[in-house]
């Protein structure tokens, strides 16, 4: 049976691992925690996507995950950072792979291991083999948003055809963007304000074509909806991920009708928001939600991304704290128990 972009797993115990972002030490520490427990060492691992970018060794993380997938121990799905790589869209933090980003990424993320010329096609081939989402009896897994229309639109497409789907979606957006010359205006704004778009101290003016084009992508690209989440245009641009943004993430789980548990990453949840929780922009989506709580309209949703991808900032600006504020976690299913890379284990708050 051919595996499709929405992969089906039989009911079984899982360890669902959050976004890694090149943090090989955190991944190895978490895998040790799981392997040292006789009850956990043989269960299937599920990697939620965003294996790469920003951290010190995306190459090693990808190699480790691929080895686990190849020997049948793990399943991995695509996140937005893998999609960017496959689409040759060189964005913040991808200088380990794209020559065009190496110099601009260095002030933030260096030192980082760069992929060699021989490793790059192997990495792309591995990413091409991965699905976008997983269904299992009583459980759904996706990188950013379980949007039923988007899921169904890709559910019967065989794995391995993701490049064709990316190309098809891009052509669809380009056709839609021909109205009012939107694509031409978008490209012109991106070129004219390229430096300012990544400068926190010198923002560009409000770029209407960039805002409109990004919103068009969100509305009509199922890959974007599944891997980047559901977004809405915002009236006031904000600086995040080293660029000015014109659309903001929304808590899609608060209006979802399906009560089936869904686990995802992407949203930079914090285990300890600290004294100023609103300072962590995307953490605002979890305002009033305990750090180990299920959330959403039916308490059906769980974000397993505890922001280990922000550890680069601690390396750039050491605080002297013994433990990192940013963690890598695995959610044990069906136990609903968390295991962190620092060895801490916690029960999650069960749905009411």
C-alpha atoms as a PDB file:
ATOM      1  CA  UNK A   1       0.000   0.000   0.000  1.00  0.00           C
ATOM      2  CA  UNK A   2       1.387   3.405  -1.005  1.00  0.00           C
ATOM      3  CA  UNK A   3       1.843   5.854   1.855  1.00  0.00           C
ATOM      4  CA  UNK A   4       0.174   9.218   1.291  1.00  0.00           C
ATOM      5  CA  UNK A   5       0.815  12.739   2.539  1.00  0.00           C
ATOM      6  CA  UNK A   6      -1.682  12.034   5.324  1.00  0.00           C
ATOM      7  CA  UNK A   7      -0.123   8.949   6.854  1.00  0.00           C
ATOM      8  CA  UNK A   8      -2.171   6.382   8.794  1.00  0.00           C
ATOM      9  CA  UNK A   9      -0.734   4.603  11.819  1.00  0.00           C
ATOM     10  CA  UNK A  10      -2.337   1.712  13.719  1.00  0.00           C
ATOM     11  CA  UNK A  11      -3.179   2.354  17.345  1.00  0.00           C
ATOM     12  CA  UNK A  12       0.016   2.090  19.405  1.00  0.00           C
ATOM     13  CA  UNK A  13       1.992   3.885  22.124  1.00  0.00           C
ATOM     14  CA  UNK A  14       3.903   6.924  20.860  1.00  0.00           C
ATOM     15  CA  UNK A  15       6.466   9.470  21.971  1.00  0.00           C
ATOM     16  CA  UNK A  16       5.658  12.657  20.017  1.00  0.00           C
ATOM     17  CA  UNK A  17       8.683  14.965  19.887  1.00  0.00           C
ATOM     18  CA  UNK A  18       8.404  18.720  19.389  1.00  0.00           C
ATOM     19  CA  UNK A  19      10.258  21.100  17.059  1.00  0.00           C
ATOM     20  CA  UNK A  20      14.044  20.553  17.305  1.00  0.00           C
ATOM     21  CA  UNK A  21      15.506  23.341  15.123  1.00  0.00           C
ATOM     22  CA  UNK A  22      19.007  21.917  14.880  1.00  0.00           C
ATOM     23  CA  UNK A  23      19.497  21.492  18.647  1.00  0.00           C
ATOM     24  CA  UNK A  24      21.336  18.171  18.487  1.00  0.00           C
ATOM     25  CA  UNK A  25      22.384  18.157  22.154  1.00  0.00           C
ATOM     26  CA  UNK A  26      18.776  18.556  23.266  1.00  0.00           C
ATOM     27  CA  UNK A  27      17.644  15.790  20.917  1.00  0.00           C
ATOM     28  CA  UNK A  28      20.321  13.366  22.088  1.00  0.00           C
ATOM     29  CA  UNK A  29      19.507  14.152  25.725  1.00  0.00           C
ATOM     30  CA  UNK A  30      15.801  13.532  25.166  1.00  0.00           C
ATOM     31  CA  UNK A  31      16.429  10.273  23.305  1.00  0.00           C
ATOM     32  CA  UNK A  32      18.606   9.125  26.213  1.00  0.00           C
ATOM     33  CA  UNK A  33      15.754   9.848  28.629  1.00  0.00           C
ATOM     34  CA  UNK A  34      13.449   7.675  26.553  1.00  0.00           C
ATOM     35  CA  UNK A  35      15.952   4.873  25.979  1.00  0.00           C
ATOM     36  CA  UNK A  36      16.887   4.616  29.649  1.00  0.00           C
ATOM     37  CA  UNK A  37      13.285   3.758  30.554  1.00  0.00           C
ATOM     38  CA  UNK A  38      12.588   0.083  29.700  1.00  0.00           C
ATOM     39  CA  UNK A  39       8.905   0.899  29.174  1.00  0.00           C
ATOM     40  CA  UNK A  40       9.710   3.566  26.564  1.00  0.00           C
ATOM     41  CA  UNK A  41      12.805   2.492  24.672  1.00  0.00           C
ATOM     42  CA  UNK A  42      10.941   0.513  21.996  1.00  0.00           C
ATOM     43  CA  UNK A  43       7.924   2.705  21.392  1.00  0.00           C
ATOM     44  CA  UNK A  44       7.452   4.542  18.107  1.00  0.00           C
ATOM     45  CA  UNK A  45       8.809   8.074  17.963  1.00  0.00           C
ATOM     46  CA  UNK A  46       6.935  10.731  15.996  1.00  0.00           C
ATOM     47  CA  UNK A  47       8.825  13.886  15.026  1.00  0.00           C
ATOM     48  CA  UNK A  48       6.454  16.812  14.579  1.00  0.00           C
ATOM     49  CA  UNK A  49       8.525  18.743  11.999  1.00  0.00           C
ATOM     50  CA  UNK A  50      10.935  21.705  12.040  1.00  0.00           C
ATOM     51  CA  UNK A  51      13.989  19.525  12.467  1.00  0.00           C
ATOM     52  CA  UNK A  52      16.219  22.249  11.076  1.00  0.00           C
ATOM     53  CA  UNK A  53      17.233  25.939  11.070  1.00  0.00           C
ATOM     54  CA  UNK A  54      18.612  28.285  13.742  1.00  0.00           C
ATOM     55  CA  UNK A  55      20.338  25.659  15.906  1.00  0.00           C
ATOM     56  CA  UNK A  56      24.016  24.656  15.799  1.00  0.00           C
ATOM     57  CA  UNK A  57      23.731  21.375  13.883  1.00  0.00           C
ATOM     58  CA  UNK A  58      20.700  20.804  11.680  1.00  0.00           C
ATOM     59  CA  UNK A  59      22.760  18.315   9.654  1.00  0.00           C
ATOM     60  CA  UNK A  60      23.265  16.040  12.671  1.00  0.00           C
ATOM     61  CA  UNK A  61      19.616  16.312  13.750  1.00  0.00           C
ATOM     62  CA  UNK A  62      18.384  15.312  10.290  1.00  0.00           C
ATOM     63  CA  UNK A  63      20.852  12.409  10.147  1.00  0.00           C
ATOM     64  CA  UNK A  64      19.733  11.174  13.566  1.00  0.00           C
ATOM     65  CA  UNK A  65      16.053  11.343  12.676  1.00  0.00           C
ATOM     66  CA  UNK A  66      16.581   9.749   9.263  1.00  0.00           C
ATOM     67  CA  UNK A  67      18.436   6.835  10.844  1.00  0.00           C
ATOM     68  CA  UNK A  68      15.521   6.267  13.247  1.00  0.00           C
ATOM     69  CA  UNK A  69      13.000   6.470  10.393  1.00  0.00           C
ATOM     70  CA  UNK A  70      15.022   4.123   8.175  1.00  0.00           C
ATOM     71  CA  UNK A  71      15.134   1.402  10.827  1.00  0.00           C
ATOM     72  CA  UNK A  72      11.418   1.659  11.559  1.00  0.00           C
ATOM     73  CA  UNK A  73      11.697   3.214  15.018  1.00  0.00           C
ATOM     74  CA  UNK A  74      10.288   6.621  14.039  1.00  0.00           C
ATOM     75  CA  UNK A  75       7.897   8.500  11.788  1.00  0.00           C
ATOM     76  CA  UNK A  76       8.492  12.159  10.893  1.00  0.00           C
ATOM     77  CA  UNK A  77       6.242  14.764   9.306  1.00  0.00           C
ATOM     78  CA  UNK A  78       7.068  17.974   7.485  1.00  0.00           C
ATOM     79  CA  UNK A  79       7.098  21.377   9.142  1.00  0.00           C
ATOM     80  CA  UNK A  80       7.270  24.793   7.537  1.00  0.00           C
ATOM     81  CA  UNK A  81      11.076  24.865   7.732  1.00  0.00           C
ATOM     82  CA  UNK A  82      11.365  21.632   5.732  1.00  0.00           C
ATOM     83  CA  UNK A  83       8.848  22.994   3.221  1.00  0.00           C
ATOM     84  CA  UNK A  84      10.919  26.192   2.863  1.00  0.00           C
ATOM     85  CA  UNK A  85      13.990  24.111   2.102  1.00  0.00           C
ATOM     86  CA  UNK A  86      12.175  21.974  -0.475  1.00  0.00           C
ATOM     87  CA  UNK A  87      10.764  25.111  -2.117  1.00  0.00           C
ATOM     88  CA  UNK A  88      14.241  26.719  -2.231  1.00  0.00           C
ATOM     89  CA  UNK A  89      12.865  29.528  -0.086  1.00  0.00           C
ATOM     90  CA  UNK A  90      15.917  30.650   1.889  1.00  0.00           C
ATOM     91  CA  UNK A  91      14.599  32.206   5.090  1.00  0.00           C
ATOM     92  CA  UNK A  92      15.945  33.229   8.475  1.00  0.00           C
ATOM     93  CA  UNK A  93      18.078  30.538  10.095  1.00  0.00           C
ATOM     94  CA  UNK A  94      18.620  28.434   6.964  1.00  0.00           C
ATOM     95  CA  UNK A  95      22.211  29.531   6.322  1.00  0.00           C
ATOM     96  CA  UNK A  96      23.393  26.032   7.250  1.00  0.00           C
ATOM     97  CA  UNK A  97      21.859  24.898   3.900  1.00  0.00           C
ATOM     98  CA  UNK A  98      21.575  27.971   1.663  1.00  0.00           C
ATOM     99  CA  UNK A  99      24.709  29.910   0.734  1.00  0.00           C
ATOM    100  CA  UNK A 100      22.600  33.057   0.295  1.00  0.00           C
ATOM    101  CA  UNK A 101      21.714  33.077   4.023  1.00  0.00           C
ATOM    102  CA  UNK A 102      25.049  32.085   5.554  1.00  0.00           C
ATOM    103  CA  UNK A 103      26.420  35.612   6.069  1.00  0.00           C
ATOM    104  CA  UNK A 104      23.146  37.195   7.268  1.00  0.00           C
ATOM    105  CA  UNK A 105      22.502  34.324   9.703  1.00  0.00           C
ATOM    106  CA  UNK A 106      26.005  34.329  11.204  1.00  0.00           C
ATOM    107  CA  UNK A 107      25.495  37.286  13.619  1.00  0.00           C
ATOM    108  CA  UNK A 108      22.597  35.436  15.257  1.00  0.00           C
ATOM    109  CA  UNK A 109      23.205  31.703  14.962  1.00  0.00           C
ATOM    110  CA  UNK A 110      26.917  31.068  14.348  1.00  0.00           C
ATOM    111  CA  UNK A 111      28.661  28.788  14.793  1.00  0.00           C
ATOM    112  CA  UNK A 112      26.546  26.294  12.869  1.00  0.00           C
ATOM    113  CA  UNK A 113      27.466  23.224  10.854  1.00  0.00           C
ATOM    114  CA  UNK A 114      26.907  23.737   7.117  1.00  0.00           C
ATOM    115  CA  UNK A 115      25.608  20.991   4.849  1.00  0.00           C
ATOM    116  CA  UNK A 116      28.130  19.839   2.269  1.00  0.00           C
ATOM    117  CA  UNK A 117      27.425  19.663  -1.459  1.00  0.00           C
ATOM    118  CA  UNK A 118      26.912  15.899  -1.205  1.00  0.00           C
ATOM    119  CA  UNK A 119      24.646  16.118   1.854  1.00  0.00           C
ATOM    120  CA  UNK A 120      22.201  18.629   0.378  1.00  0.00           C
ATOM    121  CA  UNK A 121      20.528  16.346  -2.194  1.00  0.00           C
ATOM    122  CA  UNK A 122      20.358  13.558   0.396  1.00  0.00           C
ATOM    123  CA  UNK A 123      18.582  15.880   2.844  1.00  0.00           C
ATOM    124  CA  UNK A 124      16.133  17.002   0.161  1.00  0.00           C
ATOM    125  CA  UNK A 125      15.409  13.389  -0.789  1.00  0.00           C
ATOM    126  CA  UNK A 126      14.680  12.518   2.839  1.00  0.00           C
ATOM    127  CA  UNK A 127      12.322  15.465   3.248  1.00  0.00           C
ATOM    128  CA  UNK A 128      10.572  14.555  -0.008  1.00  0.00           C
ATOM    129  CA  UNK A 129       9.735  11.136   1.451  1.00  0.00           C
ATOM    130  CA  UNK A 130       7.860  12.523   4.483  1.00  0.00           C
ATOM    131  CA  UNK A 131       4.110  13.054   4.967  1.00  0.00           C
ATOM    132  CA  UNK A 132       2.355  16.229   6.120  1.00  0.00           C
ATOM    133  CA  UNK A 133       0.132  14.724   8.815  1.00  0.00           C
ATOM    134  CA  UNK A 134      -0.705  11.516  10.676  1.00  0.00           C
ATOM    135  CA  UNK A 135      -4.015   9.918  11.538  1.00  0.00           C
ATOM    136  CA  UNK A 136      -4.321   7.234  14.204  1.00  0.00           C
ATOM    137  CA  UNK A 137      -7.436   5.897  15.955  1.00  0.00           C
ATOM    138  CA  UNK A 138      -8.332   8.605  18.472  1.00  0.00           C
ATOM    139  CA  UNK A 139      -5.426  10.919  17.586  1.00  0.00           C
ATOM    140  CA  UNK A 140      -4.368  13.440  14.901  1.00  0.00           C
ATOM    141  CA  UNK A 141      -0.849  14.831  14.416  1.00  0.00           C
ATOM    142  CA  UNK A 142       0.180  17.789  12.229  1.00  0.00           C
ATOM    143  CA  UNK A 143       2.900  20.425  12.389  1.00  0.00           C
ATOM    144  CA  UNK A 144       0.808  23.583  12.783  1.00  0.00           C
ATOM    145  CA  UNK A 145      -2.923  23.348  12.015  1.00  0.00           C
ATOM    146  CA  UNK A 146      -5.389  20.546  11.423  1.00  0.00           C
ATOM    147  CA  UNK A 147      -7.537  22.217   8.793  1.00  0.00           C
ATOM    148  CA  UNK A 148      -9.961  19.569   7.536  1.00  0.00           C
ATOM    149  CA  UNK A 149     -10.343  21.026   4.035  1.00  0.00           C
ATOM    150  CA  UNK A 150      -6.559  21.224   3.649  1.00  0.00           C
ATOM    151  CA  UNK A 151      -6.114  17.702   5.019  1.00  0.00           C
ATOM    152  CA  UNK A 152      -8.652  16.219   2.622  1.00  0.00           C
ATOM    153  CA  UNK A 153      -7.144  18.042  -0.372  1.00  0.00           C
ATOM    154  CA  UNK A 154      -3.803  16.219   0.094  1.00  0.00           C
ATOM    155  CA  UNK A 155      -4.957  12.997   1.789  1.00  0.00           C
ATOM    156  CA  UNK A 156      -4.707  10.790  -1.313  1.00  0.00           C
ATOM    157  CA  UNK A 157      -1.499  12.250  -2.775  1.00  0.00           C
ATOM    158  CA  UNK A 158       1.367   9.732  -2.509  1.00  0.00           C
ATOM    159  CA  UNK A 159       4.405  10.571  -0.376  1.00  0.00           C
ATOM    160  CA  UNK A 160       7.249  11.567  -2.651  1.00  0.00           C
ATOM    161  CA  UNK A 161       5.041  13.963  -4.613  1.00  0.00           C
ATOM    162  CA  UNK A 162       5.489  16.911  -2.263  1.00  0.00           C
ATOM    163  CA  UNK A 163       7.633  18.898  -4.731  1.00  0.00           C
ATOM    164  CA  UNK A 164       4.937  18.600  -7.365  1.00  0.00           C
ATOM    165  CA  UNK A 165       2.330  19.736  -4.833  1.00  0.00           C
ATOM    166  CA  UNK A 166       4.479  22.717  -3.785  1.00  0.00           C
ATOM    167  CA  UNK A 167       4.819  23.694  -7.445  1.00  0.00           C
ATOM    168  CA  UNK A 168       1.093  23.259  -8.087  1.00  0.00           C
ATOM    169  CA  UNK A 169       0.192  25.405  -5.065  1.00  0.00           C
ATOM    170  CA  UNK A 170       2.664  28.082  -6.134  1.00  0.00           C
ATOM    171  CA  UNK A 171       1.174  28.214  -9.632  1.00  0.00           C
ATOM    172  CA  UNK A 172      -2.321  28.471  -8.150  1.00  0.00           C
ATOM    173  CA  UNK A 173      -1.279  31.412  -5.982  1.00  0.00           C
ATOM    174  CA  UNK A 174       0.435  33.090  -8.928  1.00  0.00           C
ATOM    175  CA  UNK A 175      -2.723  32.768 -11.023  1.00  0.00           C
ATOM    176  CA  UNK A 176      -4.833  34.265  -8.259  1.00  0.00           C
ATOM    177  CA  UNK A 177      -2.252  37.016  -7.722  1.00  0.00           C
ATOM    178  CA  UNK A 178      -2.391  38.198 -11.325  1.00  0.00           C
ATOM    179  CA  UNK A 179      -5.490  40.160 -10.410  1.00  0.00           C
ATOM    180  CA  UNK A 180      -4.494  43.782  -9.792  1.00  0.00           C
ATOM    181  CA  UNK A 181      -0.884  42.790 -10.614  1.00  0.00           C
ATOM    182  CA  UNK A 182      -0.526  41.602  -7.004  1.00  0.00           C
ATOM    183  CA  UNK A 183       2.426  39.282  -7.618  1.00  0.00           C
ATOM    184  CA  UNK A 184       4.394  41.924  -9.508  1.00  0.00           C
ATOM    185  CA  UNK A 185       3.722  44.478  -6.778  1.00  0.00           C
ATOM    186  CA  UNK A 186       4.645  41.913  -4.103  1.00  0.00           C
ATOM    187  CA  UNK A 187       7.983  41.113  -5.754  1.00  0.00           C
ATOM    188  CA  UNK A 188       8.702  44.819  -6.266  1.00  0.00           C
ATOM    189  CA  UNK A 189       8.036  45.602  -2.591  1.00  0.00           C
ATOM    190  CA  UNK A 190      10.171  42.669  -1.448  1.00  0.00           C
ATOM    191  CA  UNK A 191      13.060  43.861  -3.614  1.00  0.00           C
ATOM    192  CA  UNK A 192      12.701  47.562  -2.781  1.00  0.00           C
ATOM    193  CA  UNK A 193      12.537  47.029   0.985  1.00  0.00           C
ATOM    194  CA  UNK A 194      14.703  43.892   1.312  1.00  0.00           C
ATOM    195  CA  UNK A 195      17.072  45.389   3.893  1.00  0.00           C
ATOM    196  CA  UNK A 196      14.382  47.116   5.960  1.00  0.00           C
ATOM    197  CA  UNK A 197      12.241  43.952   6.074  1.00  0.00           C
ATOM    198  CA  UNK A 198      14.934  42.354   8.254  1.00  0.00           C
ATOM    199  CA  UNK A 199      15.955  45.468  10.221  1.00  0.00           C
ATOM    200  CA  UNK A 200      14.190  45.814  13.595  1.00  0.00           C
ATOM    201  CA  UNK A 201      15.284  49.455  13.926  1.00  0.00           C
ATOM    202  CA  UNK A 202      14.399  50.675  10.441  1.00  0.00           C
ATOM    203  CA  UNK A 203      11.038  49.195   9.437  1.00  0.00           C
ATOM    204  CA  UNK A 204       9.623  49.647   5.950  1.00  0.00           C
ATOM    205  CA  UNK A 205       6.300  51.408   5.460  1.00  0.00           C
ATOM    206  CA  UNK A 206       3.200  49.236   5.549  1.00  0.00           C
ATOM    207  CA  UNK A 207       3.643  46.993   2.511  1.00  0.00           C
ATOM    208  CA  UNK A 208       0.136  46.305   1.274  1.00  0.00           C
ATOM    209  CA  UNK A 209       1.165  43.961  -1.532  1.00  0.00           C
ATOM    210  CA  UNK A 210       3.305  41.844   0.842  1.00  0.00           C
ATOM    211  CA  UNK A 211       0.409  41.671   3.307  1.00  0.00           C
ATOM    212  CA  UNK A 212      -2.114  40.772   0.592  1.00  0.00           C
ATOM    213  CA  UNK A 213       0.117  38.170  -1.036  1.00  0.00           C
ATOM    214  CA  UNK A 214       0.951  36.441   2.256  1.00  0.00           C
ATOM    215  CA  UNK A 215      -2.741  36.332   3.134  1.00  0.00           C
ATOM    216  CA  UNK A 216      -3.533  34.839  -0.275  1.00  0.00           C
ATOM    217  CA  UNK A 217      -1.004  32.090   0.388  1.00  0.00           C
ATOM    218  CA  UNK A 218      -2.570  31.326   3.741  1.00  0.00           C
ATOM    219  CA  UNK A 219      -6.068  31.114   2.339  1.00  0.00           C
ATOM    220  CA  UNK A 220      -5.393  29.039  -0.782  1.00  0.00           C
ATOM    221  CA  UNK A 221      -2.332  26.895  -0.044  1.00  0.00           C
ATOM    222  CA  UNK A 222      -3.118  23.726   1.967  1.00  0.00           C
ATOM    223  CA  UNK A 223       0.567  23.111   2.670  1.00  0.00           C
ATOM    224  CA  UNK A 224       0.856  26.577   4.216  1.00  0.00           C
ATOM    225  CA  UNK A 225      -2.237  26.056   6.364  1.00  0.00           C
ATOM    226  CA  UNK A 226      -1.007  22.696   7.666  1.00  0.00           C
ATOM    227  CA  UNK A 227       2.629  23.646   8.265  1.00  0.00           C
ATOM    228  CA  UNK A 228       2.490  27.392   9.020  1.00  0.00           C
ATOM    229  CA  UNK A 229      -0.900  27.594  10.690  1.00  0.00           C
ATOM    230  CA  UNK A 230      -3.940  29.713  10.025  1.00  0.00           C
ATOM    231  CA  UNK A 231      -3.248  33.430   9.977  1.00  0.00           C
ATOM    232  CA  UNK A 232      -5.046  36.731   9.518  1.00  0.00           C
ATOM    233  CA  UNK A 233      -3.774  40.051   8.205  1.00  0.00           C
ATOM    234  CA  UNK A 234      -2.807  42.410  11.009  1.00  0.00           C
ATOM    235  CA  UNK A 235      -3.170  46.186  10.872  1.00  0.00           C
ATOM    236  CA  UNK A 236       0.128  46.814  12.646  1.00  0.00           C
ATOM    237  CA  UNK A 237       3.267  45.011  11.411  1.00  0.00           C
ATOM    238  CA  UNK A 238       5.405  43.328  14.051  1.00  0.00           C
ATOM    239  CA  UNK A 239       8.993  42.096  14.090  1.00  0.00           C
ATOM    240  CA  UNK A 240       9.492  38.389  14.747  1.00  0.00           C
ATOM    241  CA  UNK A 241      11.899  35.766  13.467  1.00  0.00           C
ATOM    242  CA  UNK A 242      14.167  38.567  12.232  1.00  0.00           C
ATOM    243  CA  UNK A 243      11.664  40.073   9.797  1.00  0.00           C
ATOM    244  CA  UNK A 244       8.660  42.362   9.739  1.00  0.00           C
ATOM    245  CA  UNK A 245       5.389  40.456   9.474  1.00  0.00           C
ATOM    246  CA  UNK A 246       2.003  41.504   8.177  1.00  0.00           C
ATOM    247  CA  UNK A 247      -0.094  38.519   9.203  1.00  0.00           C
ATOM    248  CA  UNK A 248      -0.487  37.014  12.647  1.00  0.00           C
ATOM    249  CA  UNK A 249      -1.239  33.527  13.883  1.00  0.00           C
ATOM    250  CA  UNK A 250      -4.654  32.746  15.302  1.00  0.00           C
ATOM    251  CA  UNK A 251      -5.689  30.097  17.818  1.00  0.00           C
ATOM    252  CA  UNK A 252      -7.541  27.868  15.351  1.00  0.00           C
ATOM    253  CA  UNK A 253      -8.025  25.257  18.071  1.00  0.00           C
ATOM    254  CA  UNK A 254     -10.467  27.548  19.892  1.00  0.00           C
ATOM    255  CA  UNK A 255     -13.004  27.311  17.066  1.00  0.00           C
ATOM    256  CA  UNK A 256     -12.382  23.744  15.898  1.00  0.00           C
ATOM    257  CA  UNK A 257     -15.443  21.485  15.991  1.00  0.00           C
ATOM    258  CA  UNK A 258     -13.715  18.092  16.043  1.00  0.00           C
ATOM    259  CA  UNK A 259     -13.137  16.883  19.630  1.00  0.00           C
ATOM    260  CA  UNK A 260     -10.576  14.245  18.565  1.00  0.00           C
ATOM    261  CA  UNK A 261      -7.217  14.938  20.270  1.00  0.00           C
ATOM    262  CA  UNK A 262      -4.742  16.733  17.994  1.00  0.00           C
ATOM    263  CA  UNK A 263      -1.031  17.225  18.754  1.00  0.00           C
ATOM    264  CA  UNK A 264       1.107  19.796  16.935  1.00  0.00           C
ATOM    265  CA  UNK A 265       4.185  22.007  17.311  1.00  0.00           C
ATOM    266  CA  UNK A 266       5.118  25.308  15.656  1.00  0.00           C
ATOM    267  CA  UNK A 267       3.706  27.811  18.173  1.00  0.00           C
ATOM    268  CA  UNK A 268       6.649  28.446  20.538  1.00  0.00           C
ATOM    269  CA  UNK A 269       4.915  27.599  23.778  1.00  0.00           C
ATOM    270  CA  UNK A 270       6.840  28.336  26.993  1.00  0.00           C
ATOM    271  CA  UNK A 271       6.934  26.038  30.000  1.00  0.00           C
ATOM    272  CA  UNK A 272       7.771  29.009  32.233  1.00  0.00           C
ATOM    273  CA  UNK A 273       6.475  32.273  30.733  1.00  0.00           C
ATOM    274  CA  UNK A 274       8.211  34.283  33.462  1.00  0.00           C
ATOM    275  CA  UNK A 275       7.046  37.579  34.920  1.00  0.00           C
ATOM    276  CA  UNK A 276       6.217  39.167  31.535  1.00  0.00           C
ATOM    277  CA  UNK A 277       4.388  36.461  29.537  1.00  0.00           C
ATOM    278  CA  UNK A 278       3.151  38.916  26.891  1.00  0.00           C
ATOM    279  CA  UNK A 279       6.742  39.738  25.916  1.00  0.00           C
ATOM    280  CA  UNK A 280       6.877  36.332  24.191  1.00  0.00           C
ATOM    281  CA  UNK A 281       4.780  37.215  21.162  1.00  0.00           C
ATOM    282  CA  UNK A 282       3.417  33.834  20.200  1.00  0.00           C
ATOM    283  CA  UNK A 283       3.003  32.852  23.819  1.00  0.00           C
ATOM    284  CA  UNK A 284       0.002  35.199  23.818  1.00  0.00           C
ATOM    285  CA  UNK A 285      -1.922  32.440  22.061  1.00  0.00           C
ATOM    286  CA  UNK A 286      -1.614  30.486  25.324  1.00  0.00           C
ATOM    287  CA  UNK A 287      -2.648  33.280  27.666  1.00  0.00           C
ATOM    288  CA  UNK A 288      -4.529  31.715  30.569  1.00  0.00           C
ATOM    289  CA  UNK A 289      -3.469  28.182  29.559  1.00  0.00           C
ATOM    290  CA  UNK A 290      -1.312  26.270  32.040  1.00  0.00           C
ATOM    291  CA  UNK A 291       2.030  25.158  30.548  1.00  0.00           C
ATOM    292  CA  UNK A 292       1.039  21.482  30.560  1.00  0.00           C
ATOM    293  CA  UNK A 293      -2.653  21.974  29.769  1.00  0.00           C
ATOM    294  CA  UNK A 294      -4.633  20.724  26.828  1.00  0.00           C
ATOM    295  CA  UNK A 295      -6.429  23.637  25.208  1.00  0.00           C
ATOM    296  CA  UNK A 296      -9.011  24.469  22.581  1.00  0.00           C
ATOM    297  CA  UNK A 297     -12.797  24.446  22.307  1.00  0.00           C
ATOM    298  CA  UNK A 298     -12.996  20.824  23.489  1.00  0.00           C
ATOM    299  CA  UNK A 299      -9.671  20.670  25.377  1.00  0.00           C
ATOM    300  CA  UNK A 300      -8.659  18.586  22.361  1.00  0.00           C
ATOM    301  CA  UNK A 301      -5.433  20.347  21.350  1.00  0.00           C
ATOM    302  CA  UNK A 302      -1.869  20.064  22.621  1.00  0.00           C
ATOM    303  CA  UNK A 303       1.106  22.098  21.419  1.00  0.00           C
ATOM    304  CA  UNK A 304       4.316  20.166  22.078  1.00  0.00           C
ATOM    305  CA  UNK A 305       6.713  22.937  20.954  1.00  0.00           C
ATOM    306  CA  UNK A 306       8.419  24.286  24.095  1.00  0.00           C
ATOM    307  CA  UNK A 307      10.680  26.665  22.134  1.00  0.00           C
ATOM    308  CA  UNK A 308      13.998  24.825  22.159  1.00  0.00           C
ATOM    309  CA  UNK A 309      14.606  26.641  18.860  1.00  0.00           C
ATOM    310  CA  UNK A 310      15.232  29.829  20.861  1.00  0.00           C
ATOM    311  CA  UNK A 311      18.322  28.464  22.637  1.00  0.00           C
ATOM    312  CA  UNK A 312      20.506  30.362  20.164  1.00  0.00           C
ATOM    313  CA  UNK A 313      19.481  33.534  22.034  1.00  0.00           C
ATOM    314  CA  UNK A 314      20.814  32.155  25.330  1.00  0.00           C
ATOM    315  CA  UNK A 315      24.128  31.353  23.656  1.00  0.00           C
ATOM    316  CA  UNK A 316      24.293  34.885  22.273  1.00  0.00           C
ATOM    317  CA  UNK A 317      23.267  36.496  25.564  1.00  0.00           C
ATOM    318  CA  UNK A 318      24.156  34.173  28.486  1.00  0.00           C
ATOM    319  CA  UNK A 319      22.048  34.681  31.587  1.00  0.00           C
ATOM    320  CA  UNK A 320      24.077  32.580  33.980  1.00  0.00           C
ATOM    321  CA  UNK A 321      21.099  30.307  34.614  1.00  0.00           C
ATOM    322  CA  UNK A 322      22.039  26.659  35.056  1.00  0.00           C
ATOM    323  CA  UNK A 323      19.031  25.381  33.110  1.00  0.00           C
ATOM    324  CA  UNK A 324      17.657  26.605  29.820  1.00  0.00           C
ATOM    325  CA  UNK A 325      14.330  28.388  29.688  1.00  0.00           C
ATOM    326  CA  UNK A 326      13.694  26.662  26.362  1.00  0.00           C
ATOM    327  CA  UNK A 327      13.019  22.939  26.266  1.00  0.00           C
ATOM    328  CA  UNK A 328      12.608  19.964  23.983  1.00  0.00           C
ATOM    329  CA  UNK A 329       9.737  17.720  24.992  1.00  0.00           C
ATOM    330  CA  UNK A 330       8.143  14.416  24.111  1.00  0.00           C
ATOM    331  CA  UNK A 331       4.464  13.775  24.781  1.00  0.00           C
ATOM    332  CA  UNK A 332       3.865  10.132  25.674  1.00  0.00           C
ATOM    333  CA  UNK A 333       0.654   8.807  24.180  1.00  0.00           C
ATOM    334  CA  UNK A 334      -1.753   7.485  25.443  1.00  0.00           C
ATOM    335  CA  UNK A 335      -0.387   8.262  28.920  1.00  0.00           C
ATOM    336  CA  UNK A 336      -0.431  12.034  28.278  1.00  0.00           C
ATOM    337  CA  UNK A 337       2.870  12.349  30.101  1.00  0.00           C
ATOM    338  CA  UNK A 338       5.709  14.723  29.220  1.00  0.00           C
ATOM    339  CA  UNK A 339       9.412  13.952  29.154  1.00  0.00           C
ATOM    340  CA  UNK A 340      11.852  16.861  28.749  1.00  0.00           C
ATOM    341  CA  UNK A 341      15.447  16.855  27.566  1.00  0.00           C
ATOM    342  CA  UNK A 342      16.585  17.844  31.066  1.00  0.00           C
ATOM    343  CA  UNK A 343      15.091  14.630  32.473  1.00  0.00           C
ATOM    344  CA  UNK A 344      12.034  16.189  34.053  1.00  0.00           C
ATOM    345  CA  UNK A 345       8.802  14.224  33.622  1.00  0.00           C
ATOM    346  CA  UNK A 346       5.324  15.595  34.182  1.00  0.00           C
ATOM    347  CA  UNK A 347       1.728  14.555  33.752  1.00  0.00           C
ATOM    348  CA  UNK A 348      -0.186  16.782  31.386  1.00  0.00           C
ATOM    349  CA  UNK A 349      -3.503  18.205  32.511  1.00  0.00           C
ATOM    350  CA  UNK A 350      -6.107  15.900  31.067  1.00  0.00           C
ATOM    351  CA  UNK A 351      -9.105  17.232  29.148  1.00  0.00           C
ATOM    352  CA  UNK A 352     -12.185  17.822  31.268  1.00  0.00           C
END
